Amino acid sequence: MTQVKLDKSLAEDLITSKLRILKQFIDEILARWNESSSKDFLEKARTGIYENAEDDAVELRQLLLDYTKLQEILNNL
């Protein structure tokens, strides 16, 4: 892994910006299905309540994983 030196405030700004973008994508998926909770959406997609939601559910899971990873990085700066 390559390491680079980066000012802490710049790193925080970059990560915060990326988190904001991920949140926007998450909100767009939830709005498409008229849901306010990712947990509820994923459960409804899993149980078949929402037909044809598989692609959005997979994308949402990945977005949530990315969001969590970045949040951890931000917290550990």
Protein backbone atom coordinates (compact mmCIF):
# COMPACT_ATOMS: atom_id res chain seq x y z
CA MET A 1 0.00 0.00 0.00
CA THR A 2 1.30 3.44 -0.90
CA GLN A 3 1.26 6.06 1.80
CA VAL A 4 1.09 9.81 1.30
CA LYS A 5 1.20 12.65 3.76
CA LEU A 6 -1.98 14.65 3.86
CA ASP A 7 -3.04 17.50 6.07
CA LYS A 8 -5.62 16.26 8.58
CA SER A 9 -8.12 19.02 7.81
CA LEU A 10 -7.88 18.28 4.08
CA ALA A 11 -8.41 14.57 4.71
CA GLU A 12 -11.45 15.37 6.88
CA ASP A 13 -12.88 17.63 4.16
CA LEU A 14 -12.37 14.99 1.47
CA ILE A 15 -13.91 12.22 3.54
CA THR A 16 -16.82 14.42 4.63
CA SER A 17 -17.47 15.35 1.02
CA LYS A 18 -17.47 11.69 -0.03
CA LEU A 19 -19.81 10.82 2.86
CA ARG A 20 -22.19 13.55 1.72
CA ILE A 21 -22.21 12.14 -1.83
CA LEU A 22 -22.80 8.59 -0.58
CA LYS A 23 -25.66 9.84 1.62
CA GLN A 24 -27.21 11.51 -1.41
CA PHE A 25 -27.06 8.26 -3.40
CA ILE A 26 -28.57 6.35 -0.46
CA ASP A 27 -31.38 8.89 -0.14
CA GLU A 28 -32.10 8.69 -3.88
CA ILE A 29 -32.56 4.92 -3.72
CA LEU A 30 -34.81 5.18 -0.67
CA ALA A 31 -36.87 7.96 -2.28
CA ARG A 32 -37.32 5.83 -5.41
CA TRP A 33 -39.06 3.24 -3.22
CA ASN A 34 -40.77 5.74 -0.88
CA GLU A 35 -38.80 4.45 2.10
CA SER A 36 -37.09 6.41 4.86
CA SER A 37 -35.15 3.51 6.36
CA SER A 38 -32.49 1.52 4.56
CA LYS A 39 -33.10 -1.38 6.94
CA ASP A 40 -36.80 -1.47 6.04
CA PHE A 41 -36.08 -1.23 2.33
CA LEU A 42 -33.52 -4.02 2.42
CA GLU A 43 -35.90 -6.25 4.36
CA LYS A 44 -38.76 -5.61 1.92
CA ALA A 45 -36.46 -6.24 -1.03
CA ARG A 46 -35.18 -9.45 0.56
CA THR A 47 -38.64 -10.81 1.30
CA GLY A 48 -39.99 -9.95 -2.16
CA ILE A 49 -42.38 -7.21 -1.08
CA TYR A 50 -40.60 -4.97 -3.56
CA GLU A 51 -40.36 -6.78 -6.86
CA ASN A 52 -37.43 -5.83 -9.08
CA ALA A 53 -35.60 -4.17 -6.20
CA GLU A 54 -32.60 -6.48 -6.29
CA ASP A 55 -30.27 -4.11 -8.14
CA ASP A 56 -31.12 -1.21 -5.83
CA ALA A 57 -30.74 -3.43 -2.78
CA VAL A 58 -27.29 -4.59 -3.87
CA GLU A 59 -26.24 -1.03 -4.64
CA LEU A 60 -27.63 0.22 -1.33
CA ARG A 61 -25.74 -2.45 0.62
CA GLN A 62 -22.49 -1.44 -1.07
CA LEU A 63 -23.14 2.25 -0.44
CA LEU A 64 -23.82 1.53 3.22
CA LEU A 65 -20.60 -0.49 3.50
CA ASP A 66 -18.60 2.31 1.89
CA TYR A 67 -20.27 4.86 4.15
CA THR A 68 -19.44 2.85 7.25
CA LYS A 69 -15.81 2.37 6.21
CA LEU A 70 -15.34 6.07 5.54
CA GLN A 71 -17.05 6.98 8.81
CA GLU A 72 -14.57 4.72 10.65
CA ILE A 73 -11.63 6.31 8.86
CA LEU A 74 -12.92 9.78 9.71
CA ASN A 75 -13.37 8.83 13.35
CA ASN A 76 -9.81 7.48 13.52
CA LEU A 77 -8.11 10.58 12.09
